[in-house]
Amino acid sequence: MLILTRKESERIYLGDDIVLTVVRIGGDKVRIGVEAPSDVRVLRLELSEPDSQGPRRQGPSRQEPSRRAA
């Protein structure tokens, strides 16, 4: 995981097509704008899991990538 520090109005580019902009910082919240092509799916974690009751305190479990024999 890459962790960055940004100020308001600063941007982060993901590839050529996705831009994240820090819109506002206040208290314990950060407002982020996402510019992405219409075919890129952008979901908040709490909306992607039907049984969640709000933001999770732990990150999602990760699976090791499958390894192919060379």
PDB file of N, CA and C in Angstrom:
ATOM      1  N   MET A   1       0.854  -1.170   0.000  1.00  0.00           N
ATOM      2  CA  MET A   1       0.000   0.000   0.000  1.00  0.00           C
ATOM      3  C   MET A   1       0.901   1.236   0.000  1.00  0.00           C
ATOM      4  N   LEU A   2       0.568   2.163  -0.831  1.00  0.00           N
ATOM      5  CA  LEU A   2       1.258   3.446  -0.878  1.00  0.00           C
ATOM      6  C   LEU A   2       0.459   4.438  -0.053  1.00  0.00           C
ATOM      7  N   ILE A   3       1.108   5.131   0.872  1.00  0.00           N
ATOM      8  CA  ILE A   3       0.437   6.125   1.700  1.00  0.00           C
ATOM      9  C   ILE A   3       1.038   7.481   1.385  1.00  0.00           C
ATOM     10  N   LEU A   4       0.188   8.448   1.048  1.00  0.00           N
ATOM     11  CA  LEU A   4       0.627   9.782   0.670  1.00  0.00           C
ATOM     12  C   LEU A   4      -0.008  10.826   1.567  1.00  0.00           C
ATOM     13  N   THR A   5       0.686  11.935   1.737  1.00  0.00           N
ATOM     14  CA  THR A   5       0.126  13.084   2.430  1.00  0.00           C
ATOM     15  C   THR A   5      -0.198  14.138   1.383  1.00  0.00           C
ATOM     16  N   ARG A   6      -1.404  14.654   1.409  1.00  0.00           N
ATOM     17  CA  ARG A   6      -1.839  15.660   0.440  1.00  0.00           C
ATOM     18  C   ARG A   6      -2.514  16.800   1.176  1.00  0.00           C
ATOM     19  N   LYS A   7      -2.496  17.971   0.581  1.00  0.00           N
ATOM     20  CA  LYS A   7      -3.225  19.137   1.088  1.00  0.00           C
ATOM     21  C   LYS A   7      -4.450  19.340   0.209  1.00  0.00           C
ATOM     22  N   GLU A   8      -5.353  20.210   0.657  1.00  0.00           N
ATOM     23  CA  GLU A   8      -6.540  20.493  -0.153  1.00  0.00           C
ATOM     24  C   GLU A   8      -6.130  20.940  -1.549  1.00  0.00           C
ATOM     25  N   SER A   9      -6.894  20.511  -2.523  1.00  0.00           N
ATOM     26  CA  SER A   9      -6.723  20.805  -3.951  1.00  0.00           C
ATOM     27  C   SER A   9      -5.589  20.040  -4.609  1.00  0.00           C
ATOM     28  N   GLU A  10      -4.810  19.270  -3.862  1.00  0.00           N
ATOM     29  CA  GLU A  10      -3.755  18.482  -4.488  1.00  0.00           C
ATOM     30  C   GLU A  10      -4.349  17.223  -5.089  1.00  0.00           C
ATOM     31  N   ARG A  11      -3.682  16.708  -6.127  1.00  0.00           N
ATOM     32  CA  ARG A  11      -4.215  15.579  -6.890  1.00  0.00           C
ATOM     33  C   ARG A  11      -3.260  14.407  -6.889  1.00  0.00           C
ATOM     34  N   ILE A  12      -3.843  13.245  -7.107  1.00  0.00           N
ATOM     35  CA  ILE A  12      -3.099  12.009  -7.283  1.00  0.00           C
ATOM     36  C   ILE A  12      -3.604  11.394  -8.578  1.00  0.00           C
ATOM     37  N   TYR A  13      -2.678  11.026  -9.454  1.00  0.00           N
ATOM     38  CA  TYR A  13      -3.038  10.412 -10.720  1.00  0.00           C
ATOM     39  C   TYR A  13      -2.800   8.913 -10.647  1.00  0.00           C
ATOM     40  N   LEU A  14      -3.795   8.148 -11.055  1.00  0.00           N
ATOM     41  CA  LEU A  14      -3.691   6.695 -11.143  1.00  0.00           C
ATOM     42  C   LEU A  14      -3.734   6.329 -12.618  1.00  0.00           C
ATOM     43  N   GLY A  15      -2.602   5.986 -13.156  1.00  0.00           N
ATOM     44  CA  GLY A  15      -2.534   5.718 -14.585  1.00  0.00           C
ATOM     45  C   GLY A  15      -2.788   6.997 -15.361  1.00  0.00           C
ATOM     46  N   ASP A  16      -3.323   6.857 -16.557  1.00  0.00           N
ATOM     47  CA  ASP A  16      -3.590   8.006 -17.418  1.00  0.00           C
ATOM     48  C   ASP A  16      -5.010   8.526 -17.304  1.00  0.00           C
ATOM     49  N   ASP A  17      -5.917   7.731 -16.713  1.00  0.00           N
ATOM     50  CA  ASP A  17      -7.336   8.044 -16.801  1.00  0.00           C
ATOM     51  C   ASP A  17      -8.035   8.369 -15.483  1.00  0.00           C
ATOM     52  N   ILE A  18      -7.377   8.188 -14.355  1.00  0.00           N
ATOM     53  CA  ILE A  18      -8.045   8.367 -13.070  1.00  0.00           C
ATOM     54  C   ILE A  18      -7.319   9.430 -12.255  1.00  0.00           C
ATOM     55  N   VAL A  19      -8.088  10.397 -11.724  1.00  0.00           N
ATOM     56  CA  VAL A  19      -7.522  11.473 -10.918  1.00  0.00           C
ATOM     57  C   VAL A  19      -8.293  11.545  -9.607  1.00  0.00           C
ATOM     58  N   LEU A  20      -7.560  11.520  -8.498  1.00  0.00           N
ATOM     59  CA  LEU A  20      -8.146  11.719  -7.183  1.00  0.00           C
ATOM     60  C   LEU A  20      -7.754  13.112  -6.718  1.00  0.00           C
ATOM     61  N   THR A  21      -8.736  13.902  -6.260  1.00  0.00           N
ATOM     62  CA  THR A  21      -8.480  15.260  -5.788  1.00  0.00           C
ATOM     63  C   THR A  21      -8.953  15.384  -4.353  1.00  0.00           C
ATOM     64  N   VAL A  22      -8.083  15.910  -3.488  1.00  0.00           N
ATOM     65  CA  VAL A  22      -8.491  16.192  -2.111  1.00  0.00           C
ATOM     66  C   VAL A  22      -9.291  17.486  -2.167  1.00  0.00           C
ATOM     67  N   VAL A  23     -10.603  17.392  -1.984  1.00  0.00           N
ATOM     68  CA  VAL A  23     -11.500  18.536  -2.118  1.00  0.00           C
ATOM     69  C   VAL A  23     -11.547  19.348  -0.831  1.00  0.00           C
ATOM     70  N   ARG A  24     -11.650  18.657   0.304  1.00  0.00           N
ATOM     71  CA  ARG A  24     -11.756  19.364   1.585  1.00  0.00           C
ATOM     72  C   ARG A  24     -11.254  18.471   2.708  1.00  0.00           C
ATOM     73  N   ILE A  25     -10.617  19.084   3.680  1.00  0.00           N
ATOM     74  CA  ILE A  25     -10.183  18.390   4.889  1.00  0.00           C
ATOM     75  C   ILE A  25     -10.800  19.135   6.063  1.00  0.00           C
ATOM     76  N   GLY A  26     -11.499  18.425   6.927  1.00  0.00           N
ATOM     77  CA  GLY A  26     -12.117  19.067   8.080  1.00  0.00           C
ATOM     78  C   GLY A  26     -12.360  18.081   9.195  1.00  0.00           C
ATOM     79  N   GLY A  27     -11.854  18.388  10.377  1.00  0.00           N
ATOM     80  CA  GLY A  27     -12.053  17.483  11.510  1.00  0.00           C
ATOM     81  C   GLY A  27     -11.444  16.132  11.218  1.00  0.00           C
ATOM     82  N   ASP A  28     -12.248  15.090  11.344  1.00  0.00           N
ATOM     83  CA  ASP A  28     -11.752  13.737  11.097  1.00  0.00           C
ATOM     84  C   ASP A  28     -12.192  13.202   9.737  1.00  0.00           C
ATOM     85  N   LYS A  29     -12.556  14.093   8.811  1.00  0.00           N
ATOM     86  CA  LYS A  29     -13.035  13.665   7.496  1.00  0.00           C
ATOM     87  C   LYS A  29     -12.232  14.315   6.380  1.00  0.00           C
ATOM     88  N   VAL A  30     -12.122  13.567   5.295  1.00  0.00           N
ATOM     89  CA  VAL A  30     -11.486  14.067   4.075  1.00  0.00           C
ATOM     90  C   VAL A  30     -12.473  13.859   2.942  1.00  0.00           C
ATOM     91  N   ARG A  31     -12.728  14.872   2.156  1.00  0.00           N
ATOM     92  CA  ARG A  31     -13.607  14.752   0.999  1.00  0.00           C
ATOM     93  C   ARG A  31     -12.722  14.610  -0.238  1.00  0.00           C
ATOM     94  N   ILE A  32     -12.943  13.527  -0.987  1.00  0.00           N
ATOM     95  CA  ILE A  32     -12.117  13.208  -2.150  1.00  0.00           C
ATOM     96  C   ILE A  32     -12.986  13.177  -3.391  1.00  0.00           C
ATOM     97  N   GLY A  33     -12.511  13.833  -4.437  1.00  0.00           N
ATOM     98  CA  GLY A  33     -13.182  13.770  -5.733  1.00  0.00           C
ATOM     99  C   GLY A  33     -12.496  12.737  -6.607  1.00  0.00           C
ATOM    100  N   VAL A  34     -13.283  11.968  -7.358  1.00  0.00           N
ATOM    101  CA  VAL A  34     -12.752  10.937  -8.235  1.00  0.00           C
ATOM    102  C   VAL A  34     -13.178  11.243  -9.660  1.00  0.00           C
ATOM    103  N   GLU A  35     -12.210  11.412 -10.538  1.00  0.00           N
ATOM    104  CA  GLU A  35     -12.487  11.560 -11.967  1.00  0.00           C
ATOM    105  C   GLU A  35     -12.003  10.293 -12.642  1.00  0.00           C
ATOM    106  N   ALA A  36     -12.926   9.585 -13.281  1.00  0.00           N
ATOM    107  CA  ALA A  36     -12.584   8.324 -13.934  1.00  0.00           C
ATOM    108  C   ALA A  36     -13.492   8.129 -15.137  1.00  0.00           C
ATOM    109  N   PRO A  37     -13.040   7.358 -16.112  1.00  0.00           N
ATOM    110  CA  PRO A  37     -13.906   7.049 -17.253  1.00  0.00           C
ATOM    111  C   PRO A  37     -15.177   6.343 -16.788  1.00  0.00           C
ATOM    112  N   SER A  38     -16.219   6.460 -17.563  1.00  0.00           N
ATOM    113  CA  SER A  38     -17.514   5.889 -17.167  1.00  0.00           C
ATOM    114  C   SER A  38     -17.485   4.369 -17.055  1.00  0.00           C
ATOM    115  N   ASP A  39     -16.521   3.713 -17.686  1.00  0.00           N
ATOM    116  CA  ASP A  39     -16.464   2.253 -17.596  1.00  0.00           C
ATOM    117  C   ASP A  39     -15.691   1.767 -16.369  1.00  0.00           C
ATOM    118  N   VAL A  40     -15.149   2.676 -15.556  1.00  0.00           N
ATOM    119  CA  VAL A  40     -14.439   2.310 -14.329  1.00  0.00           C
ATOM    120  C   VAL A  40     -15.426   2.324 -13.172  1.00  0.00           C
ATOM    121  N   ARG A  41     -15.520   1.216 -12.479  1.00  0.00           N
ATOM    122  CA  ARG A  41     -16.448   1.087 -11.361  1.00  0.00           C
ATOM    123  C   ARG A  41     -15.791   1.644 -10.104  1.00  0.00           C
ATOM    124  N   VAL A  42     -16.461   2.582  -9.444  1.00  0.00           N
ATOM    125  CA  VAL A  42     -15.956   3.185  -8.207  1.00  0.00           C
ATOM    126  C   VAL A  42     -16.983   2.917  -7.116  1.00  0.00           C
ATOM    127  N   LEU A  43     -16.586   2.168  -6.087  1.00  0.00           N
ATOM    128  CA  LEU A  43     -17.503   1.802  -5.011  1.00  0.00           C
ATOM    129  C   LEU A  43     -16.904   2.133  -3.660  1.00  0.00           C
ATOM    130  N   ARG A  44     -17.739   2.579  -2.745  1.00  0.00           N
ATOM    131  CA  ARG A  44     -17.335   2.696  -1.346  1.00  0.00           C
ATOM    132  C   ARG A  44     -17.448   1.308  -0.731  1.00  0.00           C
ATOM    133  N   LEU A  45     -16.515   0.951   0.132  1.00  0.00           N
ATOM    134  CA  LEU A  45     -16.492  -0.391   0.711  1.00  0.00           C
ATOM    135  C   LEU A  45     -17.800  -0.739   1.410  1.00  0.00           C
ATOM    136  N   GLU A  46     -18.354   0.196   2.171  1.00  0.00           N
ATOM    137  CA  GLU A  46     -19.573  -0.129   2.924  1.00  0.00           C
ATOM    138  C   GLU A  46     -20.769  -0.392   2.015  1.00  0.00           C
ATOM    139  N   LEU A  47     -20.713   0.046   0.776  1.00  0.00           N
ATOM    140  CA  LEU A  47     -21.806  -0.233  -0.159  1.00  0.00           C
ATOM    141  C   LEU A  47     -21.592  -1.527  -0.921  1.00  0.00           C
ATOM    142  N   SER A  48     -20.371  -2.051  -0.919  1.00  0.00           N
ATOM    143  CA  SER A  48     -20.103  -3.262  -1.683  1.00  0.00           C
ATOM    144  C   SER A  48     -20.345  -4.528  -0.873  1.00  0.00           C
ATOM    145  N   GLU A  49     -20.558  -4.401   0.446  1.00  0.00           N
ATOM    146  CA  GLU A  49     -20.814  -5.553   1.300  1.00  0.00           C
ATOM    147  C   GLU A  49     -22.193  -5.405   1.933  1.00  0.00           C
ATOM    148  N   PRO A  50     -23.161  -6.217   1.528  1.00  0.00           N
ATOM    149  CA  PRO A  50     -24.534  -6.041   1.988  1.00  0.00           C
ATOM    150  C   PRO A  50     -24.717  -6.193   3.491  1.00  0.00           C
ATOM    151  N   ASP A  51     -23.859  -6.935   4.190  1.00  0.00           N
ATOM    152  CA  ASP A  51     -24.068  -7.134   5.624  1.00  0.00           C
ATOM    153  C   ASP A  51     -23.308  -6.128   6.478  1.00  0.00           C
ATOM    154  N   SER A  52     -22.623  -5.170   5.873  1.00  0.00           N
ATOM    155  CA  SER A  52     -21.840  -4.222   6.681  1.00  0.00           C
ATOM    156  C   SER A  52     -22.758  -3.181   7.312  1.00  0.00           C
ATOM    157  N   GLN A  53     -22.374  -2.713   8.475  1.00  0.00           N
ATOM    158  CA  GLN A  53     -23.146  -1.715   9.212  1.00  0.00           C
ATOM    159  C   GLN A  53     -22.436  -0.370   9.234  1.00  0.00           C
ATOM    160  N   GLY A  54     -21.503  -0.150   8.365  1.00  0.00           N
ATOM    161  CA  GLY A  54     -20.745   1.085   8.336  1.00  0.00           C
ATOM    162  C   GLY A  54     -19.313   0.793   7.951  1.00  0.00           C
ATOM    163  N   PRO A  55     -18.469   1.786   8.059  1.00  0.00           N
ATOM    164  CA  PRO A  55     -17.076   1.582   7.673  1.00  0.00           C
ATOM    165  C   PRO A  55     -16.403   0.517   8.533  1.00  0.00           C
ATOM    166  N   ARG A  56     -15.574  -0.287   7.909  1.00  0.00           N
ATOM    167  CA  ARG A  56     -14.843  -1.317   8.627  1.00  0.00           C
ATOM    168  C   ARG A  56     -13.579  -0.732   9.215  1.00  0.00           C
ATOM    169  N   ARG A  57     -13.208  -1.195  10.381  1.00  0.00           N
ATOM    170  CA  ARG A  57     -11.993  -0.712  11.028  1.00  0.00           C
ATOM    171  C   ARG A  57     -10.770  -1.433  10.503  1.00  0.00           C
ATOM    172  N   GLN A  58     -10.925  -2.638   9.994  1.00  0.00           N
ATOM    173  CA  GLN A  58      -9.822  -3.380   9.423  1.00  0.00           C
ATOM    174  C   GLN A  58      -9.987  -3.399   7.919  1.00  0.00           C
ATOM    175  N   GLY A  59      -8.880  -3.469   7.228  1.00  0.00           N
ATOM    176  CA  GLY A  59      -8.939  -3.545   5.776  1.00  0.00           C
ATOM    177  C   GLY A  59      -9.478  -4.881   5.330  1.00  0.00           C
ATOM    178  N   PRO A  60      -9.852  -4.989   4.079  1.00  0.00           N
ATOM    179  CA  PRO A  60     -10.368  -6.254   3.566  1.00  0.00           C
ATOM    180  C   PRO A  60      -9.275  -7.312   3.595  1.00  0.00           C
ATOM    181  N   SER A  61      -9.678  -8.557   3.743  1.00  0.00           N
ATOM    182  CA  SER A  61      -8.680  -9.626   3.736  1.00  0.00           C
ATOM    183  C   SER A  61      -8.101  -9.729   2.336  1.00  0.00           C
ATOM    184  N   ARG A  62      -6.858 -10.071   2.295  1.00  0.00           N
ATOM    185  CA  ARG A  62      -6.179 -10.181   1.004  1.00  0.00           C
ATOM    186  C   ARG A  62      -5.820 -11.622   0.745  1.00  0.00           C
ATOM    187  N   GLN A  63      -5.924 -12.011  -0.494  1.00  0.00           N
ATOM    188  CA  GLN A  63      -5.526 -13.343  -0.885  1.00  0.00           C
ATOM    189  C   GLN A  63      -4.225 -13.230  -1.644  1.00  0.00           C
ATOM    190  N   GLU A  64      -3.389 -14.228  -1.465  1.00  0.00           N
ATOM    191  CA  GLU A  64      -2.142 -14.254  -2.224  1.00  0.00           C
ATOM    192  C   GLU A  64      -2.488 -14.425  -3.690  1.00  0.00           C
ATOM    193  N   PRO A  65      -1.792 -13.680  -4.571  1.00  0.00           N
ATOM    194  CA  PRO A  65      -2.049 -13.858  -5.999  1.00  0.00           C
ATOM    195  C   PRO A  65      -1.684 -15.279  -6.411  1.00  0.00           C
ATOM    196  N   SER A  66      -2.436 -15.810  -7.340  1.00  0.00           N
ATOM    197  CA  SER A  66      -2.118 -17.152  -7.814  1.00  0.00           C
ATOM    198  C   SER A  66      -0.791 -17.113  -8.565  1.00  0.00           C
ATOM    199  N   ARG A  67      -0.009 -18.123  -8.366  1.00  0.00           N
ATOM    200  CA  ARG A  67       1.299 -18.186  -9.017  1.00  0.00           C
ATOM    201  C   ARG A  67       1.271 -19.250 -10.092  1.00  0.00           C
ATOM    202  N   ARG A  68       1.789 -18.910 -11.235  1.00  0.00           N
ATOM    203  CA  ARG A  68       1.845 -19.842 -12.339  1.00  0.00           C
ATOM    204  C   ARG A  68       3.229 -20.482 -12.402  1.00  0.00           C
ATOM    205  N   ALA A  69       3.256 -21.713 -12.820  1.00  0.00           N
ATOM    206  CA  ALA A  69       4.550 -22.352 -13.024  1.00  0.00           C
ATOM    207  C   ALA A  69       5.197 -21.742 -14.245  1.00  0.00           C
ATOM    208  N   ALA A  70       6.488 -21.480 -14.137  1.00  0.00           N
ATOM    209  CA  ALA A  70       7.211 -20.837 -15.252  1.00  0.00           C
ATOM    210  C   ALA A  70       7.553 -21.807 -16.335  1.00  0.00           C
TER     211      ALA A  70
END
